[in-house]
């Protein structure tokens, strides 16, 4: 098994939606994983990585990404089991 580390940040642009990226085979968790993150409004947010490799960001209300908000990915780590 490999360990996957997500780093950096993502900001939603007008018209963009979830998922913002899909990970390739060999970098997928065996089940959906959710991670608490900080967002640029100093509020809580979350990142979800599905077993299909789809990576999505959510604001504190889980309503999806908000325009102009930056979502920090640093510190997200999981086992690539699929």
PDB file of N, CA and C in Angstrom:
ATOM      1  N   UNK A   1       0.827  -1.183   0.000  1.00  0.00           N
ATOM      2  CA  UNK A   1       0.000   0.000   0.000  1.00  0.00           C
ATOM      3  C   UNK A   1       0.874   1.250   0.000  1.00  0.00           C
ATOM      4  N   UNK A   2       0.396   2.249  -0.694  1.00  0.00           N
ATOM      5  CA  UNK A   2       1.086   3.533  -0.745  1.00  0.00           C
ATOM      6  C   UNK A   2       0.336   4.556   0.099  1.00  0.00           C
ATOM      7  N   UNK A   3       1.037   5.594   0.501  1.00  0.00           N
ATOM      8  CA  UNK A   3       0.420   6.689   1.232  1.00  0.00           C
ATOM      9  C   UNK A   3       0.285   7.874   0.278  1.00  0.00           C
ATOM     10  N   UNK A   4      -0.907   8.451   0.223  1.00  0.00           N
ATOM     11  CA  UNK A   4      -1.184   9.603  -0.630  1.00  0.00           C
ATOM     12  C   UNK A   4      -1.233  10.837   0.252  1.00  0.00           C
ATOM     13  N   UNK A   5      -0.532  11.895  -0.171  1.00  0.00           N
ATOM     14  CA  UNK A   5      -0.519  13.173   0.535  1.00  0.00           C
ATOM     15  C   UNK A   5      -1.056  14.235  -0.417  1.00  0.00           C
ATOM     16  N   UNK A   6      -2.096  14.939  -0.011  1.00  0.00           N
ATOM     17  CA  UNK A   6      -2.579  16.084  -0.786  1.00  0.00           C
ATOM     18  C   UNK A   6      -1.961  17.341  -0.194  1.00  0.00           C
ATOM     19  N   UNK A   7      -1.500  18.225  -1.045  1.00  0.00           N
ATOM     20  CA  UNK A   7      -0.855  19.460  -0.594  1.00  0.00           C
ATOM     21  C   UNK A   7      -1.315  20.613  -1.452  1.00  0.00           C
ATOM     22  N   UNK A   8      -1.249  21.797  -0.879  1.00  0.00           N
ATOM     23  CA  UNK A   8      -1.610  22.997  -1.623  1.00  0.00           C
ATOM     24  C   UNK A   8      -2.982  23.486  -1.252  1.00  0.00           C
ATOM     25  N   UNK A   9      -3.596  24.198  -2.165  1.00  0.00           N
ATOM     26  CA  UNK A   9      -4.917  24.776  -1.924  1.00  0.00           C
ATOM     27  C   UNK A   9      -5.671  24.827  -3.243  1.00  0.00           C
ATOM     28  N   UNK A  10      -6.975  24.909  -3.126  1.00  0.00           N
ATOM     29  CA  UNK A  10      -7.822  25.045  -4.304  1.00  0.00           C
ATOM     30  C   UNK A  10      -8.837  26.153  -4.009  1.00  0.00           C
ATOM     31  N   UNK A  11      -9.086  26.991  -5.008  1.00  0.00           N
ATOM     32  CA  UNK A  11     -10.080  28.056  -4.885  1.00  0.00           C
ATOM     33  C   UNK A  11     -11.113  27.865  -5.980  1.00  0.00           C
ATOM     34  N   UNK A  12     -12.367  28.023  -5.643  1.00  0.00           N
ATOM     35  CA  UNK A  12     -13.429  27.837  -6.621  1.00  0.00           C
ATOM     36  C   UNK A  12     -13.572  29.065  -7.506  1.00  0.00           C
ATOM     37  N   UNK A  13     -13.582  28.830  -8.782  1.00  0.00           N
ATOM     38  CA  UNK A  13     -13.835  29.883  -9.761  1.00  0.00           C
ATOM     39  C   UNK A  13     -15.299  29.806 -10.179  1.00  0.00           C
ATOM     40  N   UNK A  14     -15.829  30.891 -10.676  1.00  0.00           N
ATOM     41  CA  UNK A  14     -17.221  30.911 -11.141  1.00  0.00           C
ATOM     42  C   UNK A  14     -17.433  29.812 -12.176  1.00  0.00           C
ATOM     43  N   UNK A  15     -18.485  29.056 -12.005  1.00  0.00           N
ATOM     44  CA  UNK A  15     -18.813  27.992 -12.948  1.00  0.00           C
ATOM     45  C   UNK A  15     -18.186  26.653 -12.634  1.00  0.00           C
ATOM     46  N   UNK A  16     -17.220  26.611 -11.726  1.00  0.00           N
ATOM     47  CA  UNK A  16     -16.580  25.343 -11.370  1.00  0.00           C
ATOM     48  C   UNK A  16     -17.454  24.597 -10.369  1.00  0.00           C
ATOM     49  N   UNK A  17     -17.280  23.292 -10.309  1.00  0.00           N
ATOM     50  CA  UNK A  17     -18.077  22.495  -9.378  1.00  0.00           C
ATOM     51  C   UNK A  17     -17.260  21.310  -8.882  1.00  0.00           C
ATOM     52  N   UNK A  18     -17.837  20.563  -7.963  1.00  0.00           N
ATOM     53  CA  UNK A  18     -17.232  19.330  -7.467  1.00  0.00           C
ATOM     54  C   UNK A  18     -17.497  18.198  -8.439  1.00  0.00           C
ATOM     55  N   UNK A  19     -16.671  17.180  -8.518  1.00  0.00           N
ATOM     56  CA  UNK A  19     -15.340  17.126  -7.907  1.00  0.00           C
ATOM     57  C   UNK A  19     -14.365  18.014  -8.668  1.00  0.00           C
ATOM     58  N   UNK A  20     -13.359  18.522  -7.943  1.00  0.00           N
ATOM     59  CA  UNK A  20     -12.408  19.412  -8.615  1.00  0.00           C
ATOM     60  C   UNK A  20     -11.264  18.643  -9.241  1.00  0.00           C
ATOM     61  N   UNK A  21     -11.070  17.397  -8.850  1.00  0.00           N
ATOM     62  CA  UNK A  21     -10.045  16.556  -9.461  1.00  0.00           C
ATOM     63  C   UNK A  21     -10.414  15.099  -9.218  1.00  0.00           C
ATOM     64  N   UNK A  22      -9.956  14.224 -10.119  1.00  0.00           N
ATOM     65  CA  UNK A  22     -10.111  12.785  -9.934  1.00  0.00           C
ATOM     66  C   UNK A  22      -8.719  12.169  -9.922  1.00  0.00           C
ATOM     67  N   UNK A  23      -8.426  11.435  -8.847  1.00  0.00           N
ATOM     68  CA  UNK A  23      -7.116  10.798  -8.708  1.00  0.00           C
ATOM     69  C   UNK A  23      -7.013   9.583  -9.621  1.00  0.00           C
ATOM     70  N   UNK A  24      -5.819   9.265 -10.097  1.00  0.00           N
ATOM     71  CA  UNK A  24      -5.643   8.098 -10.969  1.00  0.00           C
ATOM     72  C   UNK A  24      -5.646   6.791 -10.171  1.00  0.00           C
ATOM     73  N   UNK A  25      -5.843   5.696 -10.885  1.00  0.00           N
ATOM     74  CA  UNK A  25      -5.773   4.365 -10.268  1.00  0.00           C
ATOM     75  C   UNK A  25      -4.446   4.222  -9.531  1.00  0.00           C
ATOM     76  N   UNK A  26      -4.471   3.511  -8.426  1.00  0.00           N
ATOM     77  CA  UNK A  26      -3.276   3.345  -7.621  1.00  0.00           C
ATOM     78  C   UNK A  26      -3.147   4.388  -6.524  1.00  0.00           C
ATOM     79  N   UNK A  27      -4.018   5.405  -6.551  1.00  0.00           N
ATOM     80  CA  UNK A  27      -3.992   6.487  -5.553  1.00  0.00           C
ATOM     81  C   UNK A  27      -5.356   6.650  -4.891  1.00  0.00           C
ATOM     82  N   UNK A  28      -6.135   5.569  -4.825  1.00  0.00           N
ATOM     83  CA  UNK A  28      -7.510   5.633  -4.356  1.00  0.00           C
ATOM     84  C   UNK A  28      -7.671   4.988  -2.985  1.00  0.00           C
ATOM     85  N   UNK A  29      -8.498   5.577  -2.108  1.00  0.00           N
ATOM     86  CA  UNK A  29      -8.803   4.916  -0.841  1.00  0.00           C
ATOM     87  C   UNK A  29      -9.790   3.767  -1.097  1.00  0.00           C
ATOM     88  N   UNK A  30      -9.864   2.808  -0.188  1.00  0.00           N
ATOM     89  CA  UNK A  30     -10.785   1.686  -0.364  1.00  0.00           C
ATOM     90  C   UNK A  30     -12.237   2.084  -0.123  1.00  0.00           C
ATOM     91  N   UNK A  31     -12.451   3.164   0.608  1.00  0.00           N
ATOM     92  CA  UNK A  31     -13.788   3.690   0.888  1.00  0.00           C
ATOM     93  C   UNK A  31     -13.696   5.208   0.922  1.00  0.00           C
ATOM     94  N   UNK A  32     -14.826   5.869   0.878  1.00  0.00           N
ATOM     95  CA  UNK A  32     -14.847   7.331   0.941  1.00  0.00           C
ATOM     96  C   UNK A  32     -14.258   7.807   2.260  1.00  0.00           C
ATOM     97  N   UNK A  33     -13.399   8.803   2.177  1.00  0.00           N
ATOM     98  CA  UNK A  33     -12.757   9.402   3.350  1.00  0.00           C
ATOM     99  C   UNK A  33     -13.109  10.890   3.384  1.00  0.00           C
ATOM    100  N   UNK A  34     -13.383  11.393   4.580  1.00  0.00           N
ATOM    101  CA  UNK A  34     -13.663  12.819   4.771  1.00  0.00           C
ATOM    102  C   UNK A  34     -12.638  13.403   5.725  1.00  0.00           C
ATOM    103  N   UNK A  35     -12.218  14.635   5.436  1.00  0.00           N
ATOM    104  CA  UNK A  35     -11.182  15.297   6.223  1.00  0.00           C
ATOM    105  C   UNK A  35     -11.633  16.714   6.558  1.00  0.00           C
ATOM    106  N   UNK A  36     -11.471  17.105   7.806  1.00  0.00           N
ATOM    107  CA  UNK A  36     -11.756  18.482   8.220  1.00  0.00           C
ATOM    108  C   UNK A  36     -10.603  19.364   7.764  1.00  0.00           C
ATOM    109  N   UNK A  37     -10.926  20.543   7.237  1.00  0.00           N
ATOM    110  CA  UNK A  37      -9.908  21.486   6.763  1.00  0.00           C
ATOM    111  C   UNK A  37     -10.279  22.897   7.199  1.00  0.00           C
ATOM    112  N   UNK A  38      -9.320  23.811   7.045  1.00  0.00           N
ATOM    113  CA  UNK A  38      -9.570  25.235   7.226  1.00  0.00           C
ATOM    114  C   UNK A  38      -9.823  25.855   5.862  1.00  0.00           C
ATOM    115  N   UNK A  39     -10.724  26.825   5.831  1.00  0.00           N
ATOM    116  CA  UNK A  39     -10.951  27.551   4.590  1.00  0.00           C
ATOM    117  C   UNK A  39     -10.619  29.023   4.827  1.00  0.00           C
ATOM    118  N   UNK A  40     -10.493  29.784   3.764  1.00  0.00           N
ATOM    119  CA  UNK A  40      -9.963  31.145   3.859  1.00  0.00           C
ATOM    120  C   UNK A  40     -10.824  32.092   4.679  1.00  0.00           C
ATOM    121  N   UNK A  41     -12.046  31.734   4.983  1.00  0.00           N
ATOM    122  CA  UNK A  41     -12.900  32.573   5.821  1.00  0.00           C
ATOM    123  C   UNK A  41     -12.677  32.261   7.303  1.00  0.00           C
ATOM    124  N   UNK A  42     -11.677  31.457   7.599  1.00  0.00           N
ATOM    125  CA  UNK A  42     -11.331  31.009   8.945  1.00  0.00           C
ATOM    126  C   UNK A  42     -12.450  30.164   9.549  1.00  0.00           C
ATOM    127  N   UNK A  43     -13.214  29.525   8.704  1.00  0.00           N
ATOM    128  CA  UNK A  43     -14.266  28.616   9.132  1.00  0.00           C
ATOM    129  C   UNK A  43     -13.823  27.186   8.832  1.00  0.00           C
ATOM    130  N   UNK A  44     -14.600  26.263   9.308  1.00  0.00           N
ATOM    131  CA  UNK A  44     -14.309  24.853   9.029  1.00  0.00           C
ATOM    132  C   UNK A  44     -14.881  24.476   7.667  1.00  0.00           C
ATOM    133  N   UNK A  45     -14.218  23.581   7.016  1.00  0.00           N
ATOM    134  CA  UNK A  45     -14.683  23.020   5.758  1.00  0.00           C
ATOM    135  C   UNK A  45     -14.316  21.558   5.746  1.00  0.00           C
ATOM    136  N   UNK A  46     -14.516  20.901   4.628  1.00  0.00           N
ATOM    137  CA  UNK A  46     -14.126  19.495   4.537  1.00  0.00           C
ATOM    138  C   UNK A  46     -13.737  19.143   3.109  1.00  0.00           C
ATOM    139  N   UNK A  47     -12.941  18.094   3.014  1.00  0.00           N
ATOM    140  CA  UNK A  47     -12.555  17.498   1.736  1.00  0.00           C
ATOM    141  C   UNK A  47     -13.019  16.057   1.773  1.00  0.00           C
ATOM    142  N   UNK A  48     -13.607  15.603   0.683  1.00  0.00           N
ATOM    143  CA  UNK A  48     -14.059  14.228   0.582  1.00  0.00           C
ATOM    144  C   UNK A  48     -13.343  13.566  -0.587  1.00  0.00           C
ATOM    145  N   UNK A  49     -12.773  12.395  -0.338  1.00  0.00           N
ATOM    146  CA  UNK A  49     -12.107  11.606  -1.376  1.00  0.00           C
ATOM    147  C   UNK A  49     -12.862  10.288  -1.476  1.00  0.00           C
ATOM    148  N   UNK A  50     -13.476  10.028  -2.633  1.00  0.00           N
ATOM    149  CA  UNK A  50     -14.257   8.806  -2.793  1.00  0.00           C
ATOM    150  C   UNK A  50     -13.372   7.651  -3.248  1.00  0.00           C
ATOM    151  N   UNK A  51     -13.912   6.451  -3.159  1.00  0.00           N
ATOM    152  CA  UNK A  51     -13.172   5.267  -3.608  1.00  0.00           C
ATOM    153  C   UNK A  51     -12.969   5.269  -5.121  1.00  0.00           C
ATOM    154  N   UNK A  52     -13.690   6.130  -5.839  1.00  0.00           N
ATOM    155  CA  UNK A  52     -13.491   6.303  -7.286  1.00  0.00           C
ATOM    156  C   UNK A  52     -12.437   7.364  -7.576  1.00  0.00           C
ATOM    157  N   UNK A  53     -11.886   7.995  -6.498  1.00  0.00           N
ATOM    158  CA  UNK A  53     -10.833   8.988  -6.666  1.00  0.00           C
ATOM    159  C   UNK A  53     -11.313  10.405  -6.846  1.00  0.00           C
ATOM    160  N   UNK A  54     -12.619  10.645  -6.749  1.00  0.00           N
ATOM    161  CA  UNK A  54     -13.139  11.998  -6.905  1.00  0.00           C
ATOM    162  C   UNK A  54     -12.880  12.785  -5.628  1.00  0.00           C
ATOM    163  N   UNK A  55     -12.251  13.958  -5.774  1.00  0.00           N
ATOM    164  CA  UNK A  55     -11.915  14.820  -4.642  1.00  0.00           C
ATOM    165  C   UNK A  55     -12.793  16.061  -4.711  1.00  0.00           C
ATOM    166  N   UNK A  56     -13.559  16.279  -3.629  1.00  0.00           N
ATOM    167  CA  UNK A  56     -14.491  17.404  -3.564  1.00  0.00           C
ATOM    168  C   UNK A  56     -14.245  18.207  -2.306  1.00  0.00           C
ATOM    169  N   UNK A  57     -14.544  19.510  -2.377  1.00  0.00           N
ATOM    170  CA  UNK A  57     -14.422  20.389  -1.214  1.00  0.00           C
ATOM    171  C   UNK A  57     -15.803  20.922  -0.841  1.00  0.00           C
ATOM    172  N   UNK A  58     -15.981  21.166   0.460  1.00  0.00           N
ATOM    173  CA  UNK A  58     -17.268  21.648   0.962  1.00  0.00           C
ATOM    174  C   UNK A  58     -17.036  22.736   1.994  1.00  0.00           C
ATOM    175  N   UNK A  59     -17.961  23.694   2.046  1.00  0.00           N
ATOM    176  CA  UNK A  59     -17.920  24.694   3.113  1.00  0.00           C
ATOM    177  C   UNK A  59     -18.528  24.081   4.370  1.00  0.00           C
ATOM    178  N   UNK A  60     -18.638  24.863   5.417  1.00  0.00           N
ATOM    179  CA  UNK A  60     -19.107  24.327   6.696  1.00  0.00           C
ATOM    180  C   UNK A  60     -20.548  23.829   6.639  1.00  0.00           C
ATOM    181  N   UNK A  61     -21.337  24.313   5.702  1.00  0.00           N
ATOM    182  CA  UNK A  61     -22.724  23.865   5.562  1.00  0.00           C
ATOM    183  C   UNK A  61     -22.849  22.658   4.629  1.00  0.00           C
ATOM    184  N   UNK A  62     -21.720  22.134   4.149  1.00  0.00           N
ATOM    185  CA  UNK A  62     -21.682  21.015   3.198  1.00  0.00           C
ATOM    186  C   UNK A  62     -22.459  21.330   1.922  1.00  0.00           C
ATOM    187  N   UNK A  63     -22.482  22.609   1.537  1.00  0.00           N
ATOM    188  CA  UNK A  63     -23.226  23.001   0.340  1.00  0.00           C
ATOM    189  C   UNK A  63     -22.355  23.012  -0.908  1.00  0.00           C
ATOM    190  N   UNK A  64     -21.130  22.533  -0.804  1.00  0.00           N
ATOM    191  CA  UNK A  64     -20.232  22.553  -1.944  1.00  0.00           C
ATOM    192  C   UNK A  64     -19.288  23.725  -1.841  1.00  0.00           C
ATOM    193  N   UNK A  65     -18.465  23.937  -2.842  1.00  0.00           N
ATOM    194  CA  UNK A  65     -17.520  25.053  -2.793  1.00  0.00           C
ATOM    195  C   UNK A  65     -18.215  26.393  -3.034  1.00  0.00           C
ATOM    196  N   UNK A  66     -17.650  27.432  -2.451  1.00  0.00           N
ATOM    197  CA  UNK A  66     -18.178  28.786  -2.591  1.00  0.00           C
ATOM    198  C   UNK A  66     -17.196  29.609  -3.409  1.00  0.00           C
ATOM    199  N   UNK A  67     -17.697  30.427  -4.342  1.00  0.00           N
ATOM    200  CA  UNK A  67     -16.827  31.278  -5.156  1.00  0.00           C
ATOM    201  C   UNK A  67     -15.901  32.113  -4.293  1.00  0.00           C
ATOM    202  N   UNK A  68     -14.628  32.169  -4.671  1.00  0.00           N
ATOM    203  CA  UNK A  68     -13.660  33.027  -4.014  1.00  0.00           C
ATOM    204  C   UNK A  68     -13.095  32.491  -2.706  1.00  0.00           C
ATOM    205  N   UNK A  69     -13.552  31.344  -2.255  1.00  0.00           N
ATOM    206  CA  UNK A  69     -13.061  30.760  -1.009  1.00  0.00           C
ATOM    207  C   UNK A  69     -11.917  29.799  -1.342  1.00  0.00           C
ATOM    208  N   UNK A  70     -10.846  29.872  -0.537  1.00  0.00           N
ATOM    209  CA  UNK A  70      -9.702  28.976  -0.713  1.00  0.00           C
ATOM    210  C   UNK A  70      -9.795  27.838   0.294  1.00  0.00           C
ATOM    211  N   UNK A  71      -9.608  26.625  -0.189  1.00  0.00           N
ATOM    212  CA  UNK A  71      -9.686  25.414   0.625  1.00  0.00           C
ATOM    213  C   UNK A  71      -8.281  24.819   0.738  1.00  0.00           C
ATOM    214  N   UNK A  72      -7.772  24.707   1.953  1.00  0.00           N
ATOM    215  CA  UNK A  72      -6.416  24.204   2.202  1.00  0.00           C
ATOM    216  C   UNK A  72      -6.403  22.678   2.193  1.00  0.00           C
ATOM    217  N   UNK A  73      -5.496  22.093   1.428  1.00  0.00           N
ATOM    218  CA  UNK A  73      -5.398  20.641   1.323  1.00  0.00           C
ATOM    219  C   UNK A  73      -4.229  20.072   2.121  1.00  0.00           C
ATOM    220  N   UNK A  74      -3.328  20.931   2.598  1.00  0.00           N
ATOM    221  CA  UNK A  74      -2.146  20.452   3.324  1.00  0.00           C
ATOM    222  C   UNK A  74      -2.562  19.594   4.511  1.00  0.00           C
ATOM    223  N   UNK A  75      -1.885  18.482   4.681  1.00  0.00           N
ATOM    224  CA  UNK A  75      -2.128  17.617   5.829  1.00  0.00           C
ATOM    225  C   UNK A  75      -3.100  16.485   5.551  1.00  0.00           C
ATOM    226  N   UNK A  76      -3.694  16.437   4.375  1.00  0.00           N
ATOM    227  CA  UNK A  76      -4.599  15.335   4.050  1.00  0.00           C
ATOM    228  C   UNK A  76      -3.763  14.153   3.586  1.00  0.00           C
ATOM    229  N   UNK A  77      -3.876  13.052   4.320  1.00  0.00           N
ATOM    230  CA  UNK A  77      -3.083  11.850   4.054  1.00  0.00           C
ATOM    231  C   UNK A  77      -3.980  10.630   4.208  1.00  0.00           C
ATOM    232  N   UNK A  78      -3.860   9.678   3.283  1.00  0.00           N
ATOM    233  CA  UNK A  78      -4.620   8.439   3.399  1.00  0.00           C
ATOM    234  C   UNK A  78      -3.885   7.317   2.670  1.00  0.00           C
ATOM    235  N   UNK A  79      -4.264   6.085   2.984  1.00  0.00           N
ATOM    236  CA  UNK A  79      -3.669   4.924   2.322  1.00  0.00           C
ATOM    237  C   UNK A  79      -4.321   4.704   0.969  1.00  0.00           C
ATOM    238  N   UNK A  80      -3.513   4.447  -0.034  1.00  0.00           N
ATOM    239  CA  UNK A  80      -4.016   4.075  -1.359  1.00  0.00           C
ATOM    240  C   UNK A  80      -4.201   2.566  -1.333  1.00  0.00           C
ATOM    241  N   UNK A  81      -5.456   2.135  -1.219  1.00  0.00           N
ATOM    242  CA  UNK A  81      -5.750   0.720  -1.065  1.00  0.00           C
ATOM    243  C   UNK A  81      -6.466   0.127  -2.254  1.00  0.00           C
ATOM    244  N   UNK A  82      -6.803   0.950  -3.232  1.00  0.00           N
ATOM    245  CA  UNK A  82      -7.554   0.439  -4.382  1.00  0.00           C
ATOM    246  C   UNK A  82      -6.864   0.844  -5.661  1.00  0.00           C
TER     247      UNK A  82
END
